């Protein structure tokens, strides 16, 4: 059956393929023919890639599920809805990089499970770097997700804090905004343990219209000061823009970076390079993610455009959001929303935009809005405080 499907796709596309590597020859350009592909050519190739890599993806999934069936079932991981800490088996995976900061005096042993270009993961990294944390980064294989099989929570980012240098005795934090708020609260008062701080952020469960369980942390944008301290006035404005980042800005990104088939493919190729996918994926998996991911996200981008009521020209929605942000800073007559240095709102906006920095949409954003000066200033501030890879 698979052979029949492949044969039909070959006849429809009329493009040569190499089954040995499950990849499409000359998929990205007609360099050997001296001409560039038009938009319809790129679209046809992406559709062909869906069929071909779909077969390969099925084979990878079956192979992986069979392998998983031979593994010993680990003990239950701590509930993502609870601050309870349990000792469980958390397999070792080599970090793709380790950041060491000479100014980090927290004593925290941090490991970030992430996708390199996930906007929420970028937001957490921006915070960790700006505050000079040392931490390790583990890139999650988005096909097998073996790096987070130990966790009941299956999304990223996940931040793990090891206790007493014991891998199986740790605290797990989920949700980028919650992670940032808990760590910032800890920096305000290090006498309170992270386990105790997590109890200040209770979760609420609900079921959406599709029957999917939804977990919310109602006060995840709040920094806790305790009874003896008053809450600084700037925190209210900071919370407002952090929430705006999650509720408005981030939803303009996917429809823009996946706006056309060619932009979608370019974005995934950039993600592969930025995330150094060669370390995490074999050649088959990498091409599956690039080609089937680009095709799928092109169509999903159209769905997201409707869901979030974006303009017909989705670029305008992204420009409007960023202009709203820069106008608010201009009104304050400061370099950052936080004044002379970035605050949590600045880091949140920078983090999500940093996720698309290498994409065509980001170049357009710099040319058509006033975001560039603020963005580069925030980037310099983060780099100045960040640790160095070791």
Protein backbone atom coordinates (compact mmCIF):
# COMPACT_ATOMS: atom_id res chain seq x y z
CA UNK A 1 0.00 0.00 0.00
CA UNK A 2 2.83 2.37 0.89
CA UNK A 3 4.45 1.69 -2.47
CA UNK A 4 1.20 2.56 -4.27
CA UNK A 5 0.93 5.84 -2.35
CA UNK A 6 4.51 6.76 -3.15
CA UNK A 7 4.05 5.90 -6.83
CA UNK A 8 0.99 8.12 -7.07
CA UNK A 9 2.76 11.04 -5.42
CA UNK A 10 5.69 10.60 -7.79
CA UNK A 11 3.40 10.64 -10.81
CA UNK A 12 1.55 13.70 -9.55
CA UNK A 13 4.62 15.68 -8.64
CA UNK A 14 6.99 14.50 -11.40
CA UNK A 15 9.91 15.10 -9.07
CA UNK A 16 12.70 12.56 -8.55
CA UNK A 17 13.10 11.15 -5.06
CA UNK A 18 15.70 9.25 -3.13
CA UNK A 19 14.06 6.57 -0.99
CA UNK A 20 17.38 5.82 0.61
CA UNK A 21 17.29 9.08 2.55
CA UNK A 22 13.51 9.73 2.47
CA UNK A 23 14.13 13.14 1.05
CA UNK A 24 13.22 15.10 -2.06
CA UNK A 25 15.97 16.01 -4.46
CA UNK A 26 16.18 19.66 -5.45
CA UNK A 27 13.24 20.36 -3.15
CA UNK A 28 14.28 23.87 -2.33
CA UNK A 29 15.56 25.23 -5.61
CA UNK A 30 16.10 24.73 -9.32
CA UNK A 31 19.72 25.76 -9.04
CA UNK A 32 20.81 23.08 -11.48
CA UNK A 33 18.26 24.30 -14.02
CA UNK A 34 19.12 27.97 -13.71
CA UNK A 35 15.71 29.17 -12.48
CA UNK A 36 13.85 29.75 -9.21
CA UNK A 37 10.65 27.93 -8.22
CA UNK A 38 7.44 29.91 -8.17
CA UNK A 39 4.91 29.82 -5.33
CA UNK A 40 2.81 27.05 -6.92
CA UNK A 41 5.91 24.90 -7.44
CA UNK A 42 6.83 25.26 -3.78
CA UNK A 43 3.27 24.43 -2.74
CA UNK A 44 3.24 21.29 -4.91
CA UNK A 45 6.53 20.15 -3.46
CA UNK A 46 5.31 20.66 0.07
CA UNK A 47 2.22 18.58 -0.65
CA UNK A 48 4.43 15.87 -2.09
CA UNK A 49 6.57 16.07 1.01
CA UNK A 50 3.50 15.43 3.16
CA UNK A 51 2.80 12.15 1.41
CA UNK A 52 6.36 10.93 1.35
CA UNK A 53 7.37 11.89 4.83
CA UNK A 54 4.02 10.70 6.18
CA UNK A 55 4.98 7.16 5.18
CA UNK A 56 8.39 7.60 6.79
CA UNK A 57 6.81 9.09 9.92
CA UNK A 58 4.57 6.06 10.26
CA UNK A 59 7.55 3.76 10.06
CA UNK A 60 9.45 5.78 12.64
CA UNK A 61 6.44 5.81 14.99
CA UNK A 62 5.91 2.05 14.73
CA UNK A 63 9.59 1.38 15.30
CA UNK A 64 9.70 3.68 18.28
CA UNK A 65 6.53 2.28 19.88
CA UNK A 66 7.94 -1.22 19.56
CA UNK A 67 11.15 -0.10 21.25
CA UNK A 68 9.21 1.63 24.02
CA UNK A 69 7.35 -1.59 24.68
CA UNK A 70 10.61 -3.21 25.71
CA UNK A 71 11.45 -0.52 28.25
CA UNK A 72 10.80 -0.81 31.96
CA UNK A 73 7.83 1.31 32.97
CA UNK A 74 9.07 4.14 35.21
CA UNK A 75 7.34 5.23 38.39
CA UNK A 76 4.83 8.06 38.16
CA UNK A 77 6.20 11.57 37.77
CA UNK A 78 5.03 14.42 39.97
CA UNK A 79 1.73 15.88 38.90
CA UNK A 80 2.15 19.07 36.85
CA UNK A 81 -0.75 20.48 38.86
CA UNK A 82 0.97 20.07 42.20
CA UNK A 83 4.02 21.44 43.96
CA UNK A 84 4.69 18.05 45.49
CA UNK A 85 8.18 16.74 44.84
CA UNK A 86 8.75 13.02 44.31
CA UNK A 87 11.79 10.89 43.70
CA UNK A 88 11.35 9.32 40.27
CA UNK A 89 13.52 7.96 37.52
CA UNK A 90 14.45 10.78 35.15
CA UNK A 91 16.65 9.41 32.32
CA UNK A 92 19.87 11.22 31.49
CA UNK A 93 20.14 13.03 28.17
CA UNK A 94 23.19 14.94 27.13
CA UNK A 95 22.47 18.69 27.09
CA UNK A 96 22.92 20.42 23.74
CA UNK A 97 24.62 23.20 25.69
CA UNK A 98 25.43 24.26 29.24
CA UNK A 99 25.41 27.91 30.27
CA UNK A 100 27.75 28.91 33.08
CA UNK A 101 27.45 32.31 34.75
CA UNK A 102 30.16 33.50 37.08
CA UNK A 103 27.68 35.85 38.76
CA UNK A 104 25.08 33.16 39.59
CA UNK A 105 24.92 32.92 43.37
CA UNK A 106 21.56 31.13 43.66
CA UNK A 107 22.99 27.63 43.96
CA UNK A 108 20.15 26.33 41.78
CA UNK A 109 20.87 23.42 39.43
CA UNK A 110 18.58 24.16 36.48
CA UNK A 111 17.75 22.09 33.41
CA UNK A 112 15.50 23.49 30.68
CA UNK A 113 13.63 21.05 28.42
CA UNK A 114 12.73 22.96 25.28
CA UNK A 115 12.24 23.39 21.56
CA UNK A 116 14.83 25.92 20.43
CA UNK A 117 12.40 28.18 18.55
CA UNK A 118 9.33 27.75 20.73
CA UNK A 119 8.38 31.33 21.69
CA UNK A 120 7.59 30.30 25.27
CA UNK A 121 10.94 28.54 25.60
CA UNK A 122 12.68 31.60 24.17
CA UNK A 123 10.89 33.69 26.77
CA UNK A 124 12.26 31.53 29.61
CA UNK A 125 15.79 31.61 28.16
CA UNK A 126 15.63 35.40 27.89
CA UNK A 127 14.76 35.60 31.58
CA UNK A 128 17.42 33.11 32.67
CA UNK A 129 20.10 34.89 30.63
CA UNK A 130 19.17 38.39 31.70
CA UNK A 131 19.32 37.39 35.37
CA UNK A 132 22.58 35.53 34.97
CA UNK A 133 21.44 32.00 35.80
CA UNK A 134 23.58 28.97 35.04
CA UNK A 135 21.55 26.21 33.37
CA UNK A 136 21.63 23.25 31.02
CA UNK A 137 19.50 22.91 27.89
CA UNK A 138 17.99 19.67 26.64
CA UNK A 139 16.42 19.82 23.18
CA UNK A 140 13.30 17.66 23.02
CA UNK A 141 12.87 15.39 20.01
CA UNK A 142 9.50 16.54 18.70
CA UNK A 143 8.79 13.19 17.06
CA UNK A 144 9.66 10.77 19.84
CA UNK A 145 9.66 13.21 22.78
CA UNK A 146 11.76 10.66 24.62
CA UNK A 147 13.40 13.41 26.67
CA UNK A 148 10.14 14.13 28.51
CA UNK A 149 8.51 10.70 28.64
CA UNK A 150 9.15 10.70 32.39
CA UNK A 151 6.83 13.71 32.81
CA UNK A 152 3.04 13.70 32.96
CA UNK A 153 3.21 17.20 31.50
CA UNK A 154 3.99 16.79 27.79
CA UNK A 155 4.52 20.38 26.69
CA UNK A 156 7.57 22.61 26.78
CA UNK A 157 9.13 24.48 28.41
CA UNK A 158 9.75 22.36 31.49
CA UNK A 159 12.24 23.62 34.04
CA UNK A 160 13.74 21.12 36.47
CA UNK A 161 15.56 22.16 39.64
CA UNK A 162 17.63 19.35 41.11
CA UNK A 163 17.74 19.03 44.88
CA UNK A 164 21.08 18.17 46.50
CA UNK A 165 22.59 17.22 43.11
CA UNK A 166 20.33 14.16 42.99
CA UNK A 167 18.85 13.67 39.53
CA UNK A 168 15.84 11.76 40.86
CA UNK A 169 15.01 14.29 43.57
CA UNK A 170 13.86 17.45 41.87
CA UNK A 171 11.26 20.15 41.52
CA UNK A 172 9.46 20.48 38.18
CA UNK A 173 7.95 23.72 36.91
CA UNK A 174 5.74 24.09 33.83
CA UNK A 175 4.31 27.08 31.94
CA UNK A 176 6.72 29.82 30.90
CA UNK A 177 4.99 32.64 32.77
CA UNK A 178 4.73 30.57 35.94
CA UNK A 179 8.42 29.61 35.72
CA UNK A 180 9.44 33.25 35.40
CA UNK A 181 7.20 34.44 38.23
CA UNK A 182 8.39 31.74 40.64
CA UNK A 183 12.06 32.43 39.89
CA UNK A 184 11.59 36.19 40.19
CA UNK A 185 9.81 35.73 43.51
CA UNK A 186 12.72 33.56 44.64
CA UNK A 187 15.19 36.32 43.73
CA UNK A 188 13.14 38.74 45.83
CA UNK A 189 13.39 36.48 48.90
CA UNK A 190 15.77 33.52 48.78
CA UNK A 191 14.85 32.44 52.28
CA UNK A 192 11.71 30.78 50.90
CA UNK A 193 12.24 27.48 49.04
CA UNK A 194 11.00 26.97 45.50
CA UNK A 195 8.78 24.13 46.71
CA UNK A 196 7.08 26.53 49.11
CA UNK A 197 6.80 29.23 46.45
CA UNK A 198 5.02 26.85 44.12
CA UNK A 199 2.23 26.47 46.65
CA UNK A 200 1.50 30.17 46.13
CA UNK A 201 0.47 29.45 42.53
CA UNK A 202 -2.50 27.04 42.66
CA UNK A 203 -3.83 25.58 39.43
CA UNK A 204 -7.38 25.35 38.15
CA UNK A 205 -8.56 22.58 35.85
CA UNK A 206 -11.36 22.88 33.33
CA UNK A 207 -12.54 21.22 30.13
CA UNK A 208 -12.83 23.24 26.94
CA UNK A 209 -15.45 22.92 24.19
CA UNK A 210 -13.43 20.16 22.54
CA UNK A 211 -13.36 18.07 25.70
CA UNK A 212 -9.69 18.81 26.30
CA UNK A 213 -8.43 19.36 29.82
CA UNK A 214 -7.12 22.88 30.35
CA UNK A 215 -4.90 23.88 33.25
CA UNK A 216 -4.64 27.50 34.28
CA UNK A 217 -2.63 29.31 36.95
CA UNK A 218 -4.80 32.37 37.73
CA UNK A 219 -2.02 34.34 39.42
CA UNK A 220 0.91 33.24 37.27
CA UNK A 221 1.82 36.84 36.37
CA UNK A 222 2.15 37.89 40.01
CA UNK A 223 5.41 38.27 41.92
CA UNK A 224 4.88 37.38 45.58
CA UNK A 225 6.26 39.74 48.23
CA UNK A 226 4.85 38.35 51.47
CA UNK A 227 3.00 40.21 54.18
CA UNK A 228 5.92 42.40 55.21
CA UNK A 229 6.55 44.01 51.85
CA UNK A 230 4.44 46.30 49.70
CA UNK A 231 4.01 45.52 46.01
CA UNK A 232 5.82 48.06 43.77
CA UNK A 233 3.46 50.06 41.59
CA UNK A 234 5.25 49.12 38.37
CA UNK A 235 4.30 45.47 38.78
CA UNK A 236 0.69 46.10 37.69
CA UNK A 237 1.75 47.52 34.32
CA UNK A 238 4.31 44.74 33.96
CA UNK A 239 1.63 42.08 34.52
CA UNK A 240 -0.61 43.72 31.94
CA UNK A 241 2.01 43.50 29.18
CA UNK A 242 3.17 40.02 30.13
CA UNK A 243 -0.40 38.83 29.73
CA UNK A 244 -0.75 40.79 26.48
CA UNK A 245 2.32 38.98 25.16
CA UNK A 246 0.72 35.58 25.79
CA UNK A 247 -2.80 36.55 24.73
CA UNK A 248 -2.14 38.81 21.73
CA UNK A 249 1.39 39.12 20.40
CA UNK A 250 2.31 35.44 20.30
CA UNK A 251 -0.79 34.59 18.27
CA UNK A 252 0.34 36.81 15.39
CA UNK A 253 3.59 34.89 14.88
CA UNK A 254 2.66 31.50 13.39
CA UNK A 255 0.34 32.85 10.67
CA UNK A 256 3.19 35.17 9.64
CA UNK A 257 6.18 32.85 9.59
CA UNK A 258 4.09 30.18 7.83
CA UNK A 259 2.27 32.69 5.60
CA UNK A 260 3.28 31.05 2.30
CA UNK A 261 4.72 27.63 1.44
CA UNK A 262 8.14 29.12 0.72
CA UNK A 263 8.19 31.13 3.96
CA UNK A 264 7.09 28.08 5.90
CA UNK A 265 9.88 25.97 4.45
CA UNK A 266 12.42 28.73 5.05
CA UNK A 267 11.29 28.97 8.68
CA UNK A 268 11.75 25.26 9.31
CA UNK A 269 15.18 25.28 7.70
CA UNK A 270 16.12 28.13 9.99
CA UNK A 271 14.77 26.22 13.01
CA UNK A 272 16.91 23.24 12.01
CA UNK A 273 20.04 25.37 11.93
CA UNK A 274 19.27 27.44 15.04
CA UNK A 275 18.32 24.37 17.05
CA UNK A 276 21.24 22.31 15.73
CA UNK A 277 18.80 19.49 14.97
CA UNK A 278 21.67 17.31 13.77
CA UNK A 279 22.45 16.71 17.43
CA UNK A 280 18.89 15.70 18.28
CA UNK A 281 17.51 14.02 15.17
CA UNK A 282 18.82 11.55 12.62
CA UNK A 283 18.61 12.54 8.94
CA UNK A 284 15.24 10.84 8.42
CA UNK A 285 13.62 12.53 11.41
CA UNK A 286 15.12 15.90 10.53
CA UNK A 287 13.68 15.82 7.02
CA UNK A 288 10.32 14.63 8.31
CA UNK A 289 10.14 17.61 10.64
CA UNK A 290 11.33 20.12 8.04
CA UNK A 291 9.12 19.06 5.13
CA UNK A 292 6.01 17.69 6.75
CA UNK A 293 6.24 20.37 9.43
CA UNK A 294 6.46 23.14 6.85
CA UNK A 295 3.49 21.75 4.92
CA UNK A 296 1.36 21.18 8.00
CA UNK A 297 2.09 24.57 9.54
CA UNK A 298 1.28 26.37 6.29
CA UNK A 299 -2.29 25.08 6.58
CA UNK A 300 -2.46 25.41 10.36
CA UNK A 301 -1.38 29.02 9.99
CA UNK A 302 -4.54 29.66 7.98
CA UNK A 303 -6.64 28.12 10.74
CA UNK A 304 -4.93 30.24 13.39
CA UNK A 305 -5.50 33.34 11.30
CA UNK A 306 -9.26 32.74 11.50
CA UNK A 307 -9.23 31.65 15.14
CA UNK A 308 -7.57 34.86 16.31
CA UNK A 309 -9.37 37.13 13.81
CA UNK A 310 -6.21 38.45 12.20
CA UNK A 311 -6.22 40.76 9.18
CA UNK A 312 -6.41 39.26 5.71
CA UNK A 313 -2.82 40.44 5.38
CA UNK A 314 -1.47 38.84 8.56
CA UNK A 315 1.61 41.04 8.45
CA UNK A 316 -0.61 43.97 9.42
CA UNK A 317 -1.75 42.21 12.60
CA UNK A 318 1.85 41.60 13.64
CA UNK A 319 2.82 45.19 12.79
CA UNK A 320 -0.13 46.55 14.77
CA UNK A 321 0.77 44.51 17.83
CA UNK A 322 4.40 45.64 17.78
CA UNK A 323 3.42 49.25 17.14
CA UNK A 324 1.14 49.07 20.17
CA UNK A 325 4.09 47.92 22.24
CA UNK A 326 6.56 50.55 21.01
CA UNK A 327 3.93 53.30 21.34
CA UNK A 328 3.44 52.39 25.01
CA UNK A 329 7.19 52.65 25.61
CA UNK A 330 7.40 55.95 23.72
CA UNK A 331 4.62 57.32 25.91
CA UNK A 332 6.74 56.55 28.98
CA UNK A 333 9.73 58.29 27.35
CA UNK A 334 12.05 55.52 28.45
CA UNK A 335 14.24 53.06 26.60
CA UNK A 336 12.41 50.04 27.97
CA UNK A 337 9.03 49.32 29.48
CA UNK A 338 11.00 48.80 32.68
CA UNK A 339 12.64 52.22 32.41
CA UNK A 340 16.42 52.20 32.11
CA UNK A 341 16.59 48.40 32.04
CA UNK A 342 14.30 45.64 30.78
CA UNK A 343 11.63 44.33 33.15
CA UNK A 344 9.65 41.09 32.88
CA UNK A 345 7.39 42.57 30.20
CA UNK A 346 10.38 43.57 28.06
CA UNK A 347 11.85 40.08 28.43
CA UNK A 348 8.54 38.43 27.54
CA UNK A 349 8.07 40.45 24.34
CA UNK A 350 11.71 40.04 23.39
CA UNK A 351 11.56 36.29 24.03
CA UNK A 352 8.63 35.57 21.74
CA UNK A 353 10.00 37.80 18.96
CA UNK A 354 13.43 36.21 19.31
CA UNK A 355 11.83 32.91 18.28
CA UNK A 356 11.30 34.25 14.75
CA UNK A 357 14.47 36.35 14.41
CA UNK A 358 15.82 34.31 11.51
CA UNK A 359 12.54 34.25 9.57
CA UNK A 360 11.43 36.46 6.69
CA UNK A 361 8.58 37.81 8.80
CA UNK A 362 11.02 39.26 11.32
CA UNK A 363 12.93 41.12 8.62
CA UNK A 364 9.67 42.65 7.41
CA UNK A 365 8.80 43.53 11.00
CA UNK A 366 12.02 45.51 11.44
CA UNK A 367 11.46 47.37 8.18
CA UNK A 368 7.82 48.30 8.77
CA UNK A 369 7.74 49.10 12.50
CA UNK A 370 9.89 50.84 15.10
CA UNK A 371 10.64 47.64 16.97
CA UNK A 372 14.28 47.29 15.90
CA UNK A 373 15.90 49.83 18.25
CA UNK A 374 14.11 48.49 21.33
CA UNK A 375 14.74 44.88 20.28
CA UNK A 376 18.48 45.35 19.78
CA UNK A 377 18.81 47.29 23.05
CA UNK A 378 17.06 44.48 24.93
CA UNK A 379 19.23 41.90 23.22
CA UNK A 380 22.39 43.74 24.25
CA UNK A 381 21.19 43.96 27.84
CA UNK A 382 20.49 40.23 27.94
CA UNK A 383 23.83 39.34 26.38
CA UNK A 384 25.64 41.57 28.86
CA UNK A 385 24.22 39.61 31.81
CA UNK A 386 24.12 36.13 30.31
CA UNK A 387 26.52 33.34 31.15
CA UNK A 388 28.70 31.64 28.55
CA UNK A 389 28.48 28.18 26.95
CA UNK A 390 30.89 25.67 28.44
